[in-house]
Protein backbone atom coordinates (compact mmCIF):
# COMPACT_ATOMS: atom_id res chain seq x y z
CA MET A 1 29.06 5.31 12.08
CA LYS A 2 26.76 3.30 9.76
CA SER A 3 26.67 3.84 5.99
CA PHE A 4 23.76 3.73 3.69
CA ALA A 5 23.53 3.54 -0.06
CA ILE A 6 20.13 4.33 -1.42
CA VAL A 7 19.99 3.26 -5.21
CA GLY A 8 17.70 5.37 -7.00
CA GLY A 9 16.39 8.81 -5.91
CA GLY A 10 12.69 8.76 -6.61
CA PRO A 11 9.56 8.59 -4.15
CA ALA A 12 10.81 5.34 -2.68
CA ALA A 13 14.17 6.84 -1.78
CA LEU A 14 12.35 9.83 -0.46
CA MET A 15 10.20 7.56 2.02
CA VAL A 16 13.48 5.62 3.06
CA TYR A 17 15.57 8.76 3.73
CA LYS A 18 12.65 10.51 5.47
CA ARG A 19 12.32 7.40 7.81
CA LEU A 20 15.99 7.59 8.60
CA ILE A 21 16.19 11.13 9.70
CA ASP A 22 12.65 10.87 11.53
CA ALA A 23 14.16 7.98 13.66
CA GLY A 24 16.48 10.49 15.47
CA ALA A 25 19.62 8.64 15.06
CA LYS A 26 22.76 10.53 13.84
CA ASP A 27 25.48 8.09 13.60
CA PHE A 28 25.02 7.42 9.92
CA SER A 29 25.66 8.85 6.57
CA VAL A 30 23.77 8.43 3.31
CA ASP A 31 24.65 8.40 -0.35
CA ILE A 32 21.88 8.65 -2.89
CA PHE A 33 22.47 7.62 -6.34
CA GLU A 34 20.20 8.99 -8.97
CA ALA A 35 20.71 8.37 -12.66
CA THR A 36 18.85 11.65 -13.63
CA LYS A 37 19.24 15.50 -12.92
CA ASN A 38 16.18 15.27 -10.62
CA LEU A 39 15.70 13.94 -7.11
CA GLY A 40 12.22 12.99 -5.93
CA SER A 41 9.99 12.55 -8.88
CA GLY A 42 11.02 9.43 -10.30
CA MET A 43 9.64 8.13 -13.52
CA PRO A 44 5.83 8.79 -12.85
CA TYR A 45 6.24 12.34 -12.00
CA SER A 46 9.04 13.56 -14.25
CA HIS A 47 9.07 14.11 -18.13
CA LEU A 48 10.34 10.26 -18.19
CA GLY A 49 6.55 9.33 -17.24
CA ALA A 50 4.18 12.51 -17.75
CA GLY A 51 3.51 15.45 -19.96
CA LEU A 52 1.47 18.52 -18.87
CA GLU A 53 -1.89 16.55 -19.89
CA HIS A 54 -1.01 13.74 -17.03
CA VAL A 55 -2.55 14.01 -13.46
CA THR A 56 -2.44 12.08 -10.48
CA ASN A 57 -5.07 9.83 -9.28
CA VAL A 58 -4.80 10.83 -5.61
CA SER A 59 -5.46 14.07 -3.91
CA SER A 60 -3.55 15.92 -1.22
CA ASP A 61 -5.47 14.30 1.61
CA GLU A 62 -4.82 10.79 0.27
CA LEU A 63 -0.76 11.36 0.65
CA PRO A 64 1.57 9.85 3.27
CA ASP A 65 2.86 12.76 5.65
CA LEU A 66 5.76 14.76 4.33
CA LEU A 67 7.61 17.71 5.65
CA LYS A 68 5.08 20.11 4.28
CA PRO A 69 1.31 19.42 3.28
CA LEU A 70 0.82 19.50 -0.60
CA ALA A 71 -1.92 22.14 -0.40
CA GLU A 72 0.01 24.25 1.52
CA TRP A 73 2.98 23.99 -0.81
CA VAL A 74 0.91 24.52 -3.88
CA LYS A 75 -0.52 27.63 -2.46
CA ALA A 76 2.62 29.27 -1.82
CA LEU A 77 3.97 28.79 -5.53
CA PRO A 78 4.59 31.69 -7.49
CA VAL A 79 1.79 32.81 -9.92
CA ALA A 80 3.96 31.85 -13.12
CA THR A 81 4.00 28.42 -11.92
CA LEU A 82 0.30 28.19 -11.08
CA ASP A 83 -0.56 29.71 -14.44
CA GLN A 84 1.57 27.13 -16.30
CA PHE A 85 -0.32 24.32 -14.69
CA GLY A 86 -3.70 26.08 -14.95
CA ILE A 87 -4.28 26.20 -11.11
CA GLU A 88 -6.28 28.96 -9.43
CA ARG A 89 -4.63 29.61 -6.09
CA GLU A 90 -7.91 30.30 -4.06
CA ASP A 91 -9.65 27.39 -5.70
CA PHE A 92 -7.04 24.72 -4.78
CA HIS A 93 -7.78 22.45 -1.82
CA GLU A 94 -6.86 19.23 -0.36
CA LYS A 95 -9.46 17.31 -2.59
CA LYS A 96 -7.70 18.52 -5.63
CA VAL A 97 -5.87 16.36 -7.87
CA LEU A 98 -2.67 17.75 -9.37
CA PRO A 99 -0.70 17.61 -12.70
CA ARG A 100 1.82 15.05 -12.35
CA LEU A 101 4.73 17.03 -13.22
CA LEU A 102 3.75 19.58 -10.75
CA PHE A 103 3.51 16.98 -8.26
CA GLY A 104 7.06 15.75 -9.10
CA GLN A 105 8.17 19.23 -8.10
CA TYR A 106 6.48 18.94 -4.89
CA LEU A 107 8.16 15.50 -4.24
CA SER A 108 11.55 17.01 -5.24
CA ALA A 109 11.25 19.99 -3.00
CA GLN A 110 10.28 17.63 -0.07
CA PHE A 111 13.43 15.60 -0.75
CA HIS A 112 15.56 18.57 -0.68
CA ASP A 113 13.84 19.83 2.58
CA ALA A 114 14.53 16.40 3.90
CA ILE A 115 18.10 16.62 3.31
CA ASN A 116 18.57 19.84 4.77
CA LYS A 117 16.93 18.49 7.75
CA GLY A 118 19.19 15.74 7.80
CA ASN A 119 22.31 18.00 7.49
CA GLN A 120 21.00 19.91 10.27
CA LEU A 121 20.88 16.86 12.41
CA GLY A 122 24.33 15.91 11.55
CA VAL A 123 23.49 13.22 8.94
CA ASN A 124 26.16 13.35 6.35
CA THR A 125 24.00 13.21 2.85
CA GLN A 126 25.62 13.09 -0.57
CA VAL A 127 23.55 13.08 -3.70
CA HIS A 128 25.29 11.69 -6.76
CA TYR A 129 23.30 12.76 -9.66
CA GLU A 130 23.44 11.39 -13.13
CA THR A 131 25.10 8.51 -11.78
CA ALA A 132 23.82 4.76 -12.40
CA VAL A 133 24.61 1.93 -10.25
CA ILE A 134 25.54 -0.80 -12.81
CA ASP A 135 26.03 -3.60 -10.20
CA ILE A 136 25.97 -4.50 -6.55
CA GLU A 137 28.23 -7.05 -4.73
CA GLY A 138 27.79 -8.62 -1.37
CA ASN A 139 31.15 -8.80 0.71
CA ASN A 140 31.19 -12.24 2.32
CA GLY A 141 33.66 -11.71 4.88
CA ALA A 142 33.04 -8.23 6.20
CA GLY A 143 29.24 -8.16 5.77
CA LYS A 144 29.48 -5.04 3.42
CA VAL A 145 27.76 -4.25 0.35
CA ARG A 146 29.90 -2.88 -2.66
CA ILE A 147 28.14 -0.34 -5.14
CA LYS A 148 29.61 -0.21 -8.46
CA LYS A 149 29.15 3.16 -10.44
CA ASP A 150 29.03 3.53 -14.14
CA ASP A 151 32.16 5.40 -14.09
CA GLY A 152 34.02 2.07 -12.85
CA GLN A 153 34.44 3.40 -9.23
CA SER A 154 33.04 1.10 -6.31
CA ILE A 155 32.25 2.15 -2.84
CA GLU A 156 31.56 0.05 0.24
CA TYR A 157 28.49 0.37 2.52
CA ASP A 158 27.03 -1.09 5.44
CA PHE A 159 23.54 -1.22 3.91
CA ALA A 160 21.93 -0.81 0.45
CA ILE A 161 18.35 -0.07 -0.14
CA ILE A 162 17.44 -0.70 -3.80
CA CYS A 163 14.94 1.82 -4.89
CA SER A 164 15.33 1.70 -8.55
CA GLY A 165 11.81 2.26 -9.55
CA HIS A 166 10.07 1.18 -12.87
CA ASN A 167 11.86 -0.63 -15.70
CA TRP A 168 10.18 -0.81 -19.10
CA VAL A 169 11.89 -3.42 -20.66
CA GLY A 170 12.30 -2.92 -24.56
CA LYS A 171 11.63 -5.66 -26.95
CA ARG A 172 10.89 -4.15 -30.45
CA GLU A 173 10.93 -0.50 -29.90
CA GLY A 174 13.25 1.08 -32.23
CA GLU A 175 13.67 -1.91 -34.45
CA VAL A 176 9.94 -2.10 -35.79
CA ASP A 177 8.51 0.96 -37.09
CA GLY A 178 5.15 2.00 -35.31
CA TYR A 179 5.89 -0.34 -32.34
CA PHE A 180 6.09 1.02 -28.83
CA ASP A 181 6.77 -1.14 -26.01
CA SER A 182 5.35 1.55 -23.52
CA PRO A 183 3.93 5.01 -23.69
CA TYR A 184 6.85 6.32 -21.63
CA PRO A 185 8.46 8.96 -22.16
CA PRO A 186 5.21 10.49 -23.47
CA ALA A 187 7.26 12.87 -25.71
CA LYS A 188 7.74 9.95 -28.15
CA LEU A 189 4.06 9.90 -28.94
CA SER A 190 3.84 13.60 -29.82
CA ARG A 191 3.10 12.99 -33.44
CA GLN A 192 0.28 12.70 -35.90
CA PHE A 193 -1.63 9.34 -36.53
CA ASN A 194 -3.66 9.52 -39.39
CA HIS A 195 -4.91 5.99 -38.89
CA ASP A 196 -6.14 3.37 -36.38
CA VAL A 197 -3.82 3.12 -33.33
CA ILE A 198 -3.76 -0.05 -31.36
CA VAL A 199 -3.69 0.26 -27.74
CA ARG A 200 -3.16 -2.91 -25.68
CA GLY A 201 -4.69 -2.35 -22.20
CA SER A 202 -7.30 -0.13 -20.69
CA SER A 203 -5.34 0.84 -17.48
CA LEU A 204 -4.34 4.25 -16.50
CA THR A 205 -1.25 3.71 -18.55
CA ALA A 206 -3.44 3.38 -21.62
CA PHE A 207 -5.09 6.50 -20.49
CA ASP A 208 -1.65 8.32 -20.35
CA ALA A 209 -0.84 7.20 -23.98
CA ILE A 210 -4.44 8.33 -25.28
CA ARG A 211 -4.40 11.72 -23.62
CA THR A 212 -1.14 12.37 -25.22
CA ILE A 213 -1.68 11.30 -28.87
CA ALA A 214 -5.23 12.91 -28.69
CA ARG A 215 -3.59 16.24 -28.27
CA HIS A 216 -1.40 15.85 -31.34
CA ASN A 217 -4.38 14.86 -33.47
CA GLY A 218 -6.88 17.23 -32.45
CA HIS A 219 -7.92 19.34 -29.51
CA PHE A 220 -10.65 19.42 -26.91
CA GLU A 221 -13.04 22.17 -26.12
CA LYS A 222 -15.97 22.98 -23.76
CA ILE A 223 -19.20 23.28 -25.57
CA ALA A 224 -22.16 24.04 -23.29
CA ASP A 225 -20.36 22.49 -20.26
CA ARG A 226 -19.61 19.47 -22.17
CA LEU A 227 -15.97 18.44 -23.44
CA VAL A 228 -15.91 17.81 -27.16
CA PHE A 229 -13.01 16.34 -29.28
CA GLN A 230 -12.49 17.92 -32.53
CA VAL A 231 -9.83 16.00 -34.87
CA ASP A 232 -7.50 17.88 -37.01
CA GLU A 233 -7.87 18.35 -40.66
CA GLU A 234 -4.75 16.49 -41.36
CA THR A 235 -5.53 13.47 -39.35
CA LYS A 236 -9.22 12.81 -40.14
CA ASP A 237 -8.69 9.12 -39.95
CA PHE A 238 -7.09 9.39 -36.48
CA ARG A 239 -8.79 6.66 -34.11
CA VAL A 240 -7.75 4.74 -31.09
CA ILE A 241 -8.60 1.26 -30.32
CA MET A 242 -8.10 -0.14 -26.89
CA HIS A 243 -7.75 -3.93 -26.48
CA SER A 244 -8.13 -5.61 -22.93
CA ARG A 245 -8.73 -9.00 -21.60
CA HIS A 246 -12.35 -8.30 -20.47
CA GLY A 247 -13.05 -5.23 -22.50
CA MET A 248 -13.69 -3.21 -19.52
CA LEU A 249 -12.46 0.16 -18.40
CA PRO A 250 -11.48 1.02 -14.80
CA ALA A 251 -13.68 2.35 -12.22
CA VAL A 252 -13.58 6.21 -11.72
CA ARG A 253 -11.96 7.94 -8.57
CA VAL A 254 -14.36 8.29 -5.83
CA HIS A 255 -14.45 9.95 -2.17
CA MET A 256 -12.62 7.55 0.39
CA ASP A 257 -13.44 7.83 4.09
CA GLU A 258 -10.01 6.15 4.80
CA PRO A 259 -7.86 7.68 2.02
CA HIS A 260 -4.48 6.34 3.64
CA ALA A 261 -4.44 2.54 2.65
CA ALA A 262 -1.24 2.32 5.01
CA GLY A 263 -3.30 3.70 8.05
CA SER A 264 -5.22 1.23 10.30
CA PRO A 265 -4.84 -2.45 9.28
CA LEU A 266 -7.79 -4.39 8.39
CA ILE A 267 -6.18 -7.53 9.99
CA ASP A 268 -3.82 -7.48 12.77
CA ASP A 269 -0.60 -9.46 12.59
CA GLU A 270 -1.67 -11.70 15.19
CA LYS A 271 -4.40 -13.00 13.39
CA ILE A 272 -2.55 -13.44 10.38
CA ALA A 273 0.06 -15.42 12.30
CA GLU A 274 -2.64 -17.64 13.82
CA ASN A 275 -3.94 -18.33 10.58
CA ILE A 276 -0.52 -19.30 9.21
CA GLN A 277 0.06 -21.70 12.19
CA GLU A 278 -3.27 -23.28 12.10
CA ASN A 279 -3.02 -24.07 8.45
CA GLY A 280 0.55 -25.87 8.13
CA GLY A 281 2.48 -22.77 7.42
CA PHE A 282 0.03 -21.47 4.65
CA LEU A 283 -2.04 -18.18 4.72
CA GLN A 284 -5.62 -18.89 3.49
CA LEU A 285 -6.82 -16.62 0.62
CA ASP A 286 -10.54 -17.06 1.95
CA PHE A 287 -9.27 -15.91 5.35
CA LEU A 288 -7.95 -12.69 3.72
CA PHE A 289 -11.18 -12.22 1.86
CA GLU A 290 -13.41 -12.78 4.66
CA HIS A 291 -11.44 -10.78 7.24
CA GLY A 292 -10.00 -8.06 5.07
CA PHE A 293 -12.95 -7.57 2.83
CA LYS A 294 -16.37 -9.03 3.85
CA LEU A 295 -16.49 -8.41 7.62
CA PRO A 296 -15.51 -4.72 7.69
CA LEU A 297 -18.31 -4.29 5.29
CA LYS A 298 -20.66 -5.57 7.96
CA GLU A 299 -20.18 -2.35 9.87
CA SER A 300 -19.64 0.20 7.05
CA ASP A 301 -22.18 -0.90 4.53
CA PRO A 302 -24.69 -3.33 6.16
CA LYS A 303 -26.80 -3.48 3.03
CA PHE A 304 -24.11 -4.50 0.72
CA TYR A 305 -22.91 -6.98 3.31
CA GLU A 306 -26.24 -8.64 3.27
CA GLN A 307 -26.05 -9.10 -0.42
CA ILE A 308 -22.73 -10.76 -0.59
CA LYS A 309 -22.38 -12.37 2.95
CA ASP A 310 -22.84 -15.79 1.68
CA MET A 311 -20.55 -15.46 -1.36
CA ASN A 312 -17.12 -17.02 -1.63
CA MET A 313 -14.44 -15.00 -3.33
CA GLU A 314 -15.16 -16.61 -6.64
CA ALA A 315 -18.94 -15.91 -6.49
CA PHE A 316 -18.38 -12.38 -5.55
CA VAL A 317 -16.02 -11.73 -8.41
CA GLU A 318 -18.28 -13.49 -10.78
CA SER A 319 -21.11 -11.29 -9.72
CA MET A 320 -19.08 -8.20 -9.86
CA MET A 321 -17.29 -8.87 -13.19
CA SER A 322 -20.74 -10.21 -14.84
CA HIS A 323 -22.44 -6.86 -13.95
CA ARG A 324 -19.61 -4.82 -15.68
CA GLU A 325 -19.62 -7.32 -18.70
CA SER A 326 -23.37 -6.89 -18.94
CA HIS A 327 -22.98 -3.05 -19.88
CA ASP A 328 -21.51 -1.45 -22.75
CA PRO A 329 -18.05 -0.32 -21.27
CA PHE A 330 -18.49 3.26 -21.99
CA ASP A 331 -22.14 3.44 -20.95
CA LEU A 332 -20.97 1.92 -17.63
CA PHE A 333 -18.10 4.42 -17.60
CA ARG A 334 -20.26 7.45 -18.04
CA LYS A 335 -22.66 6.00 -15.28
CA GLU A 336 -19.80 5.35 -12.66
CA TYR A 337 -18.53 9.05 -13.52
CA ASP A 338 -21.64 10.54 -12.65
CA GLU A 339 -21.74 8.46 -9.43
CA ALA A 340 -18.23 9.23 -8.61
CA LYS A 341 -18.82 13.03 -8.94
CA LYS A 342 -21.86 12.67 -6.58
CA SER A 343 -19.53 10.59 -4.17
CA ILE A 344 -16.95 13.45 -4.07
CA ARG A 345 -19.34 16.18 -3.90
CA GLU A 346 -21.20 14.61 -1.02
CA GLU A 347 -18.04 13.17 0.48
CA LYS A 348 -19.83 9.73 0.58
CA PRO A 349 -17.77 6.76 -0.06
CA VAL A 350 -18.57 3.48 -2.32
CA TYR A 351 -17.62 1.34 0.56
CA TRP A 352 -16.96 -1.75 -1.15
CA LYS A 353 -14.52 -0.14 -3.57
CA GLU A 354 -12.65 1.38 -0.51
CA MET A 355 -12.57 -1.95 1.15
CA LEU A 356 -11.35 -3.87 -2.03
CA SER A 357 -8.66 -1.27 -2.13
CA ALA A 358 -7.74 -1.81 1.39
CA LEU A 359 -7.80 -5.59 0.88
CA SER A 360 -5.39 -5.28 -1.97
CA PHE A 361 -3.01 -3.23 0.09
CA ALA A 362 -3.33 -5.65 3.34
CA MET A 363 -2.83 -8.83 1.35
CA ASN A 364 0.34 -7.55 -0.43
CA TYR A 365 2.62 -8.10 2.45
CA PRO A 366 1.74 -11.59 3.77
CA ALA A 367 1.23 -12.73 0.20
CA LYS A 368 4.35 -14.83 0.25
CA TYR A 369 2.61 -17.18 2.75
CA LEU A 370 -0.12 -18.15 0.41
CA SER A 371 -0.09 -21.57 -0.95
CA ALA A 372 0.78 -22.06 -4.72
CA GLU A 373 -2.90 -22.91 -5.02
CA ASP A 374 -4.18 -19.86 -3.51
CA MET A 375 -1.71 -17.75 -5.47
CA LEU A 376 -2.96 -19.20 -8.70
CA ARG A 377 -6.52 -18.47 -7.46
CA LEU A 378 -5.56 -14.81 -6.72
CA GLN A 379 -3.93 -14.39 -10.05
CA LYS A 380 -6.91 -15.89 -12.03
CA THR A 381 -9.80 -14.48 -10.06
CA LEU A 382 -9.23 -11.70 -7.63
CA MET A 383 -6.53 -9.52 -9.35
CA PRO A 384 -8.56 -9.15 -12.57
CA LEU A 385 -11.34 -7.40 -10.60
CA ILE A 386 -8.87 -5.48 -8.37
CA SER A 387 -7.12 -4.08 -11.46
CA VAL A 388 -10.21 -2.60 -12.58
CA VAL A 389 -12.01 -1.24 -9.74
CA ILE A 390 -9.13 0.18 -7.75
CA ALA A 391 -7.20 1.97 -10.49
CA PHE A 392 -9.53 4.92 -9.71
CA ALA A 393 -9.18 6.90 -12.76
CA PRO A 394 -9.05 10.76 -12.38
CA GLN A 395 -12.17 12.68 -13.59
CA GLU A 396 -10.27 14.70 -15.95
CA SER A 397 -8.94 11.71 -17.71
CA CYS A 398 -12.49 10.23 -18.00
CA GLU A 399 -13.85 13.27 -19.47
CA GLU A 400 -11.39 13.21 -22.35
CA LEU A 401 -12.01 9.58 -23.11
CA MET A 402 -15.62 10.01 -23.11
CA ALA A 403 -15.31 13.11 -25.48
CA LEU A 404 -13.18 10.81 -27.79
CA ASN A 405 -15.72 8.17 -27.66
CA ASP A 406 -18.66 10.45 -28.61
CA ALA A 407 -16.62 11.78 -31.41
CA GLY A 408 -16.18 8.24 -32.75
CA ARG A 409 -12.32 8.46 -32.21
CA LEU A 410 -11.92 5.71 -29.48
CA GLU A 411 -13.45 2.11 -28.82
CA ILE A 412 -12.75 -0.62 -26.80
CA VAL A 413 -12.33 -4.45 -27.68
CA ALA A 414 -12.45 -7.60 -25.56
CA ASP A 415 -9.69 -9.84 -26.67
CA GLY A 416 -9.66 -12.61 -24.19
CA ASP A 417 -6.62 -14.38 -22.53
CA SER A 418 -4.89 -15.18 -25.75
CA SER A 419 -3.78 -12.20 -27.45
CA GLU A 420 -0.18 -11.84 -29.02
CA VAL A 421 1.73 -9.55 -31.19
CA GLU A 422 4.08 -10.93 -34.06
CA ILE A 423 6.17 -9.23 -36.43
CA LEU A 424 5.82 -10.82 -40.06
CA ASP A 425 7.83 -9.24 -43.02
CA GLY A 426 8.22 -6.09 -40.94
CA LYS A 427 4.43 -5.90 -40.29
CA ILE A 428 2.90 -5.65 -36.80
CA ILE A 429 0.21 -8.23 -36.61
CA TYR A 430 -2.04 -8.36 -33.35
CA SER A 431 -4.01 -11.46 -33.07
CA TYR A 432 -6.78 -12.14 -30.53
CA GLN A 433 -10.06 -14.10 -30.09
CA ASP A 434 -13.49 -11.95 -30.19
CA GLU A 435 -16.22 -12.54 -28.02
CA ASN A 436 -17.59 -15.27 -30.11
CA GLY A 437 -14.32 -17.22 -29.86
CA ASN A 438 -13.38 -16.34 -33.46
CA GLN A 439 -9.84 -15.69 -34.21
CA GLU A 440 -8.98 -12.15 -35.53
CA LYS A 441 -5.71 -10.84 -36.93
CA VAL A 442 -5.21 -7.15 -37.17
CA GLU A 443 -2.38 -5.43 -39.11
CA CYS A 444 -1.19 -2.36 -37.15
CA LYS A 445 0.48 0.73 -38.49
CA THR A 446 1.02 1.91 -34.88
CA PHE A 447 1.01 -0.48 -31.74
CA ILE A 448 1.46 0.76 -28.14
CA ASP A 449 1.69 -1.63 -25.19
CA CYS A 450 -0.05 -0.23 -22.34
CA ILE A 451 -0.76 -2.85 -19.87
CA GLY A 452 1.25 -1.29 -17.20
CA GLN A 453 4.55 -2.20 -15.20
CA LYS A 454 5.22 -5.77 -15.85
CA HIS A 455 6.45 -8.12 -13.17
CA LEU A 456 9.86 -9.10 -14.05
CA SER A 457 11.86 -12.17 -13.44
CA ILE A 458 15.22 -12.49 -11.67
CA ASP A 459 16.87 -12.74 -15.11
CA ALA A 460 15.87 -9.14 -15.65
CA PHE A 461 17.30 -7.83 -12.34
CA PRO A 462 19.91 -5.33 -12.96
CA PHE A 463 22.50 -6.25 -10.60
CA GLN A 464 23.25 -9.65 -11.79
CA HIS A 465 26.55 -9.96 -9.53
CA LEU A 466 23.97 -10.83 -6.63
CA VAL A 467 22.33 -13.34 -8.77
CA GLU A 468 25.76 -15.04 -9.69
CA GLU A 469 26.85 -14.80 -6.00
CA GLY A 470 23.69 -16.51 -4.79
CA LYS A 471 22.98 -13.63 -2.67
CA VAL A 472 19.34 -13.28 -4.17
CA SER A 473 17.12 -16.14 -5.18
CA PRO A 474 13.88 -16.39 -7.27
CA ALA A 475 10.70 -16.20 -5.55
CA ARG A 476 8.66 -19.15 -5.45
CA LEU A 477 5.56 -20.56 -3.51
CA LYS A 478 5.14 -24.26 -2.13
CA PHE A 479 2.04 -26.20 -3.26
CA ARG A 480 -0.05 -27.54 -0.52
CA SER A 481 -1.10 -30.61 -2.25
CA SER A 482 1.53 -32.45 -4.61
CA GLU A 483 -1.41 -33.91 -6.39
CA SER A 484 -2.64 -30.62 -7.54
CA ALA A 485 0.78 -29.72 -8.69
CA LYS A 486 1.15 -32.84 -10.72
CA LYS A 487 -2.20 -32.22 -12.49
CA LEU A 488 -1.15 -28.95 -13.35
CA LEU A 489 2.16 -30.20 -14.72
CA VAL A 490 0.31 -32.30 -17.23
CA ASN A 491 -1.39 -29.38 -18.83
CA ASP A 492 1.09 -26.31 -18.71
CA GLY A 493 3.62 -26.91 -15.98
CA LYS A 494 6.30 -24.38 -17.14
CA ASN A 495 6.39 -22.51 -13.77
CA ILE A 496 6.22 -25.67 -11.69
CA GLU A 497 9.23 -27.45 -10.24
CA GLY A 498 9.62 -30.36 -7.91
CA ALA A 499 12.26 -30.79 -4.96
CA GLY A 500 11.80 -34.24 -3.63
CA ASP A 501 8.36 -34.85 -2.72
CA ASP A 502 7.42 -31.15 -2.76
CA TYR A 503 6.32 -29.00 -5.64
CA TYR A 504 6.60 -25.33 -6.05
CA LEU A 505 5.18 -22.50 -8.26
CA ARG A 506 7.69 -20.01 -9.66
CA VAL A 507 6.44 -16.68 -9.17
CA PRO A 508 7.93 -13.33 -10.81
CA GLY A 509 10.91 -11.63 -9.22
CA LEU A 510 12.95 -12.06 -6.19
CA LYS A 511 12.46 -13.88 -2.85
CA ILE A 512 12.14 -11.21 0.06
CA SER A 513 11.75 -11.37 3.63
CA ASP A 514 8.90 -9.71 5.55
CA ASN A 515 11.22 -6.66 5.97
CA PHE A 516 12.09 -6.61 2.18
CA GLN A 517 15.51 -8.06 2.59
CA VAL A 518 16.84 -10.06 -0.29
CA VAL A 519 16.84 -13.78 0.40
CA ASP A 520 19.78 -16.18 -0.59
CA HIS A 521 19.62 -19.61 -2.10
CA ALA A 522 19.94 -21.16 1.29
CA GLY A 523 17.03 -19.14 2.73
CA HIS A 524 18.88 -16.73 4.76
CA ALA A 525 17.57 -13.20 4.86
CA SER A 526 20.49 -10.52 4.05
CA GLU A 527 21.16 -8.21 6.75
CA SER A 528 22.64 -5.52 4.45
CA ILE A 529 20.57 -5.55 1.32
CA TYR A 530 17.08 -4.28 0.87
CA LEU A 531 14.67 -4.43 -2.17
CA MET A 532 12.09 -1.88 -2.72
CA ALA A 533 11.98 -1.65 -6.49
CA VAL A 534 8.50 -3.00 -7.17
CA PRO A 535 9.05 -4.61 -10.81
CA TYR A 536 11.38 -7.23 -9.15
CA MET A 537 8.97 -8.33 -6.33
CA GLY A 538 5.66 -9.08 -8.10
CA GLY A 539 5.60 -12.57 -6.94
CA PHE A 540 5.79 -11.88 -3.37
CA ASN A 541 3.89 -8.52 -3.65
CA PRO A 542 1.18 -9.24 -6.42
CA ASP A 543 -0.31 -5.74 -5.98
CA TYR A 544 1.48 -2.53 -4.93
CA SER A 545 -0.09 0.76 -4.13
CA GLY A 546 2.22 3.74 -5.11
CA LEU A 547 3.09 6.09 -2.30
CA ASP A 548 1.13 4.11 0.14
CA PHE A 549 3.43 1.14 -0.70
CA CYS A 550 6.55 3.17 -0.42
CA GLU A 551 5.63 4.70 3.10
CA HIS A 552 4.79 1.34 4.53
CA ALA A 553 7.64 -0.63 3.08
CA SER A 554 10.04 2.16 4.29
CA GLU A 555 8.78 1.70 7.77
CA LEU A 556 9.35 -2.04 7.63
CA ILE A 557 12.89 -1.47 6.26
CA VAL A 558 14.22 1.21 8.27
CA GLY A 559 12.77 -0.21 11.58
CA ASN A 560 14.56 -3.51 10.89
CA ILE A 561 17.91 -1.59 10.16
CA LEU A 562 17.67 0.46 13.18
CA LYS A 563 16.61 -2.30 15.65
CA PRO A 564 19.23 -2.85 18.52
CA ASN A 565 21.31 -5.69 17.32
CA ASN A 566 22.24 -3.83 14.02
């Protein structure tokens, strides 16, 4: 009998648990530790991360397979629930997005159904609600894992899978009036702001904040089939100013022919292994870009392929970004909104956006084999484009932002790479460089940091006993050329370290294996501890894709645990 501890009870835990029971094995028990009263919804799909105004950016047909299809589950809901979320039963179909809180209820229902199925199969499952895991220890002698709960008790298991989800690290919130480290939970933003609100970031996290505060400082209404924002009499000076590095808004959600990023791989594992072997143990970023993006477009969109076939990664990104930078961000946003509506209506994809999404997913898992030089290229060049293009802002959110902009209540400012926030004499001072390179300083009555989930270092890892034991180690990538590392050391070498003749780039989070096992300081992958909490693996997984990520990672983890020698 094998025993499993799943730390966290959100969507990642659901995928892991479903994989376990689908594998058909019965000789195991599972304990799930969830800090809240709810199972399945996690942070994004519960009141910790959403209000009634927030919607998903994926539709039913884009979801991994669970026990019951989402559209079927929605149509079976009672009228009162459908009315609460403004859903017409006969109008709902698999292409519709869903309110996030309702989607959280769906995930919770799927988790409970999975547990019932597990119990029927003879799997002993216990859910520990309102139970925080405060530390994890690796037992050197017996190969066991010890889970320490917040009530002081500890329990031993054969395997621990860490699915602890998002972590919004607090810095100044609660200590500085008007400062918010994140927009979550959104209830804290349910107040009036009769002044400029500075929002750092233009991602979907920023959209969440803006949709919440707009509702408490005005209201939206349809006039002649057009959404209009009317500000409240008491908050006539309410305005939102978004600041982002490039001053760009994310692309709008479009139809996708292959909605499941975890479906057919763009590059098979053998080709990736060959590339690593042929290049001294390094995976080439240019190989990923060529085979995971450009060549698939040769078949799906020959016309676009002809435009870019001679471009390397830098030239392609420069072309795409310069196109976006040459347009007013809201003018481009409106144009892309119209194009996206047509794409969904005609079920016609924008292939290069779909391929870029697929590339982002495909490169995530072998990224640990990139050289430090290529990782720096990825961070500087490709990731900014990916973060803009594959956010896939839902139409409903786009309509509200456009209405706010039309009403003169929302604008976006490009502030380059050097923005920072200071607290001087109790005042929030936001500094940035404008498009002409001039240094600007803004005093903020309200500042909301909305740059999304940050990649966290090993120092922020919540289970520090594993750090002290040396059972986990910081992620780092080797430089192909010592000379390039030395040049970087001269300018800004804070994340570069040497070991003999070799040099390494320290990247965020923990070192993990291909199967998401934590790796110790000696380079050995743990046979009992697996990491599936995205904030702590950002160095080896530079981009992650929500439920698709959970689906694929859970397959690798459970497949490795249940292999015969375990």
